[in-house]
Protein backbone atom coordinates (compact mmCIF):
# COMPACT_ATOMS: atom_id res chain seq x y z
CA MET A 1 -4.84 1.99 -27.53
CA ASN A 2 -4.46 -1.66 -26.54
CA TRP A 3 -2.14 -3.26 -24.04
CA GLU A 4 -2.00 -6.15 -21.57
CA ASP A 5 -0.39 -6.35 -18.15
CA GLU A 6 -0.47 -7.95 -14.73
CA CYS A 7 -1.76 -5.79 -11.89
CA TYR A 8 -3.24 -5.56 -8.41
CA LEU A 9 -6.71 -4.18 -7.77
CA LEU A 10 -6.58 -0.98 -5.70
CA SER A 11 -10.19 0.20 -5.76
CA LYS A 12 -13.55 -0.30 -7.43
CA ARG A 13 -16.86 1.53 -7.60
CA LYS A 14 -20.15 0.81 -9.27
CA PHE A 15 -20.68 2.34 -12.70
CA ARG A 16 -24.13 2.04 -14.23
CA GLU A 17 -26.18 -1.09 -13.63
CA ASN A 18 -23.73 -3.85 -14.38
CA ALA A 19 -20.29 -2.29 -14.60
CA ASN A 20 -17.50 -1.10 -12.34
CA ILE A 21 -14.78 1.49 -12.63
CA ILE A 22 -11.62 0.03 -11.15
CA ASN A 23 -8.17 1.37 -10.37
CA VAL A 24 -5.32 -1.06 -10.75
CA PHE A 25 -1.60 -0.87 -10.07
CA SER A 26 -0.01 -2.47 -13.13
CA LYS A 27 3.55 -3.60 -13.46
CA ASN A 28 4.43 -1.67 -16.62
CA ARG A 29 1.81 1.11 -16.72
CA GLY A 30 1.49 2.20 -13.10
CA LYS A 31 -1.92 3.17 -11.74
CA VAL A 32 -4.61 2.99 -14.40
CA SER A 33 -8.40 3.37 -14.33
CA GLY A 34 -10.86 1.53 -16.54
CA VAL A 35 -14.41 0.24 -16.90
CA VAL A 36 -15.19 -3.44 -16.37
CA TYR A 37 -18.46 -4.38 -18.03
CA GLY A 38 -20.21 -7.21 -16.22
CA GLY A 39 -18.29 -6.25 -13.09
CA ASN A 40 -21.36 -6.86 -10.93
CA SER A 41 -22.01 -10.32 -12.32
CA ARG A 42 -21.45 -13.18 -9.90
CA LYS A 43 -18.46 -14.54 -11.81
CA ILE A 44 -16.50 -11.29 -12.04
CA LYS A 45 -17.68 -9.79 -8.77
CA ASN A 46 -16.27 -12.75 -6.85
CA TYR A 47 -12.70 -11.98 -7.90
CA LEU A 48 -12.84 -8.18 -8.13
CA GLN A 49 -11.62 -7.98 -4.54
CA ILE A 50 -9.16 -5.34 -3.34
CA SER A 51 -5.51 -6.49 -3.58
CA ASN A 52 -6.27 -9.50 -5.80
CA LYS A 53 -3.78 -10.03 -8.61
CA LEU A 54 -5.33 -9.73 -12.06
CA TYR A 55 -4.36 -9.90 -15.69
CA ILE A 56 -5.96 -7.14 -17.73
CA ASN A 57 -6.50 -6.36 -21.38
CA HIS A 58 -6.93 -2.61 -21.82
CA ASN A 59 -8.70 -1.00 -24.76
CA ALA A 60 -9.22 2.73 -25.33
CA LYS A 61 -9.78 4.97 -28.35
CA ASN A 62 -7.09 7.37 -27.19
CA GLU A 63 -4.93 8.15 -24.14
CA ASN A 64 -7.25 10.91 -22.93
CA ARG A 65 -10.36 8.76 -22.59
CA LEU A 66 -11.28 6.21 -19.96
CA GLY A 67 -10.54 2.76 -21.28
CA TYR A 68 -12.14 -0.63 -20.87
CA PHE A 69 -10.70 -3.66 -19.10
CA LYS A 70 -11.14 -7.33 -19.72
CA THR A 71 -9.99 -9.01 -16.53
CA GLU A 72 -8.79 -12.44 -15.45
CA LEU A 73 -7.91 -13.60 -11.96
CA VAL A 74 -4.24 -14.51 -11.56
CA LYS A 75 -4.08 -14.97 -7.79
CA PRO A 76 -6.65 -14.46 -5.05
CA ILE A 77 -5.18 -12.48 -2.16
CA SER A 78 -7.85 -10.84 -0.02
CA PRO A 79 -10.21 -13.89 0.28
CA LEU A 80 -7.43 -15.77 2.06
CA TYR A 81 -7.61 -13.28 4.95
CA PHE A 82 -11.32 -12.55 5.32
CA ASN A 83 -11.13 -14.09 8.80
CA ASP A 84 -7.91 -12.29 9.73
CA LYS A 85 -8.80 -8.71 10.61
CA LYS A 86 -5.23 -7.50 10.98
CA ARG A 87 -3.99 -8.79 7.65
CA SER A 88 -7.21 -7.76 5.89
CA SER A 89 -6.81 -4.24 7.24
CA ALA A 90 -3.19 -4.18 6.07
CA LEU A 91 -4.20 -5.17 2.53
CA LEU A 92 -6.95 -2.54 2.44
CA SER A 93 -4.62 0.05 3.93
CA ILE A 94 -1.77 -0.50 1.53
CA SER A 95 -4.12 -0.57 -1.47
CA SER A 96 -5.91 2.60 -0.37
CA ILE A 97 -2.68 4.52 0.20
CA LEU A 98 -1.34 3.51 -3.21
CA ASN A 99 -4.65 4.39 -4.83
CA VAL A 100 -4.45 7.94 -3.48
CA LEU A 101 -0.73 8.65 -3.80
CA LEU A 102 0.36 6.94 -7.00
CA PRO A 103 0.32 9.23 -10.03
CA ASP A 104 -1.78 8.08 -12.98
CA SER A 105 -0.10 6.17 -15.79
CA GLN A 106 3.41 6.50 -14.38
CA PRO A 107 5.11 3.12 -13.92
CA ASN A 108 7.13 2.54 -10.79
CA LYS A 109 8.53 -0.97 -10.79
CA SER A 110 10.36 -0.42 -7.52
CA ILE A 111 7.10 0.24 -5.65
CA TYR A 112 5.36 -2.54 -7.59
CA ASN A 113 8.06 -5.07 -6.67
CA SER A 114 8.08 -3.88 -3.05
CA PHE A 115 4.30 -4.25 -2.89
CA GLU A 116 4.44 -7.73 -4.41
CA GLU A 117 7.23 -8.74 -2.03
CA PHE A 118 5.06 -7.73 0.92
CA ILE A 119 2.07 -9.64 -0.49
CA ASN A 120 4.24 -12.75 -0.78
CA SER A 121 5.47 -12.31 2.81
CA ILE A 122 2.16 -11.64 4.52
CA ASN A 123 2.00 -15.14 6.01
CA LEU A 124 5.27 -14.70 7.87
CA GLU A 125 5.25 -14.14 11.63
CA ASN A 126 6.86 -10.70 11.29
CA TRP A 127 4.56 -9.56 8.45
CA ILE A 128 3.55 -6.37 10.26
CA ILE A 129 7.20 -5.31 10.55
CA LEU A 130 7.58 -5.92 6.83
CA TYR A 131 4.48 -3.80 6.25
CA ILE A 132 6.08 -0.95 8.19
CA PHE A 133 9.26 -1.21 6.12
CA PHE A 134 7.09 -1.15 3.00
CA GLU A 135 5.57 2.15 4.10
CA LEU A 136 9.01 3.59 4.86
CA ASN A 137 10.25 2.54 1.43
CA LEU A 138 7.11 3.96 -0.19
CA ILE A 139 7.76 7.34 1.43
CA LYS A 140 11.24 7.39 -0.11
CA GLU A 141 10.05 6.20 -3.54
CA LEU A 142 7.44 8.95 -3.60
CA GLY A 143 10.19 11.52 -3.33
CA TYR A 144 10.77 12.16 0.37
CA ASP A 145 13.70 10.65 2.24
CA PRO A 146 13.62 11.24 6.03
CA ASN A 147 17.33 10.27 6.17
CA LEU A 148 16.95 8.23 9.35
CA SER A 149 20.55 7.02 9.12
CA GLU A 150 21.64 10.47 10.30
CA TYR A 151 20.16 9.65 13.70
CA ASN A 152 21.88 6.29 14.08
CA ASP A 153 23.33 5.81 17.55
CA LYS A 154 26.18 3.39 16.90
CA ASN A 155 26.52 2.68 20.61
CA SER A 156 22.93 1.47 20.89
CA VAL A 157 22.22 -2.22 20.34
CA ASP A 158 18.63 -2.18 21.56
CA LEU A 159 16.49 -2.27 18.43
CA SER A 160 13.34 -1.62 20.46
CA LYS A 161 14.68 1.66 21.82
CA ILE A 162 12.61 4.73 20.88
CA ALA A 163 14.57 7.77 19.71
CA LYS A 164 13.20 11.29 19.38
CA VAL A 165 14.28 12.86 16.11
CA LYS A 166 13.42 16.14 14.44
CA ILE A 167 12.68 15.90 10.74
CA ASP A 168 11.94 19.23 9.10
CA THR A 169 9.70 21.02 11.60
CA PHE A 170 8.27 17.88 13.19
CA THR A 171 9.52 15.80 16.13
CA TYR A 172 8.92 12.07 15.83
CA GLU A 173 9.42 9.05 18.06
CA VAL A 174 11.26 6.51 15.93
CA PRO A 175 12.07 2.92 16.90
CA GLU A 176 15.77 2.17 16.67
CA TYR A 177 15.30 -0.77 14.30
CA LEU A 178 13.88 1.58 11.65
CA ILE A 179 16.88 3.86 12.00
CA LYS A 180 19.30 0.94 11.69
CA LYS A 181 17.18 -0.76 9.02
CA LYS A 182 17.30 -4.09 10.83
CA LEU A 183 14.48 -6.56 11.45
CA PRO A 184 13.87 -6.94 15.19
CA LYS A 185 13.74 -10.51 16.44
CA VAL A 186 11.39 -9.55 19.26
CA PHE A 187 8.54 -7.09 18.91
CA ASP A 188 5.39 -6.38 20.87
CA ASN A 189 2.26 -4.32 20.31
CA ASN A 190 3.84 -1.21 21.79
CA LEU A 191 6.77 -1.31 19.37
CA ILE A 192 4.44 -1.98 16.43
CA LYS A 193 2.16 0.86 17.49
CA LYS A 194 5.08 3.30 17.76
CA SER A 195 6.31 2.22 14.32
CA LEU A 196 2.91 2.55 12.65
CA TYR A 197 2.36 5.90 14.32
CA PHE A 198 5.69 7.18 12.99
CA THR A 199 5.18 6.11 9.37
CA ARG A 200 1.56 7.33 9.41
CA ASN A 201 2.61 10.77 10.63
CA ILE A 202 5.29 11.05 7.97
CA ILE A 203 2.83 10.04 5.25
CA GLN A 204 0.18 12.42 6.52
CA ASN A 205 2.53 15.37 7.01
CA ARG A 206 4.23 14.99 3.64
CA PHE A 207 1.50 13.78 1.30
CA PHE A 208 -2.01 13.98 2.72
CA ILE A 209 -2.31 17.12 4.84
CA PRO A 210 -0.58 19.54 2.39
CA TYR A 211 -2.99 18.52 -0.38
CA ASN A 212 -6.06 18.16 1.86
CA LEU A 213 -6.45 14.49 0.97
CA PRO A 214 -8.62 12.19 3.13
CA PHE A 215 -6.51 9.64 4.98
CA PRO A 216 -7.65 6.01 4.55
CA LYS A 217 -9.75 4.74 7.46
CA SER A 218 -8.35 1.26 6.91
CA ARG A 219 -4.89 2.53 7.90
CA ILE A 220 -6.23 3.93 11.19
CA LEU A 221 -8.06 0.66 11.81
CA LEU A 222 -4.85 -1.31 11.30
CA GLU A 223 -3.08 0.84 13.86
CA ASN A 224 -5.90 0.36 16.35
CA TYR A 225 -5.45 -3.42 16.29
CA PHE A 226 -2.10 -2.95 18.05
CA LEU A 227 -3.16 -0.67 20.87
């Protein structure tokens, strides 16, 4: 079974002496695993960095067996932020969450496009707010809609206001701008922290805790940068 596609690297692990097993999020195939021979060579190792955009050629004898990838670098992402701990943590966080939660071999172009849109916006001043909206959109695309619009206070114009809302059996503190789906012009660490705490709790309560999945440390680290 042969196919080609663009993708983003979500994870990698060593396989034998000079190969890696990688997980990629491809545009038309969803999350797919494969072996990269020569993955520990200097040439390939340098661009097999989490969140980098790749072009892959996939080859497998049948759909039930692990395939093989030939990879090419399309666009380096993570090396641009090696000296930026916040953005690096965000890239690792988003890749790790997708790696755990995306189903295998099920395309989702909405999530793919949303992910790519965030990648292309990571240099903006409000990138962390865009990251938070990405997580909120991801929650919905994965099949759970918290219906925040039901808690919209039309008399409130303060986007930094924190509202307490009950969703299912949990009570959350939700910043008003997330309820109104508007980008705040002014935001500080406290507002960012509250926002990250809210989306993390939703993700944990709906997807990680019920299935006893380990939550990515990179996501906790990102949150800690805004304490």
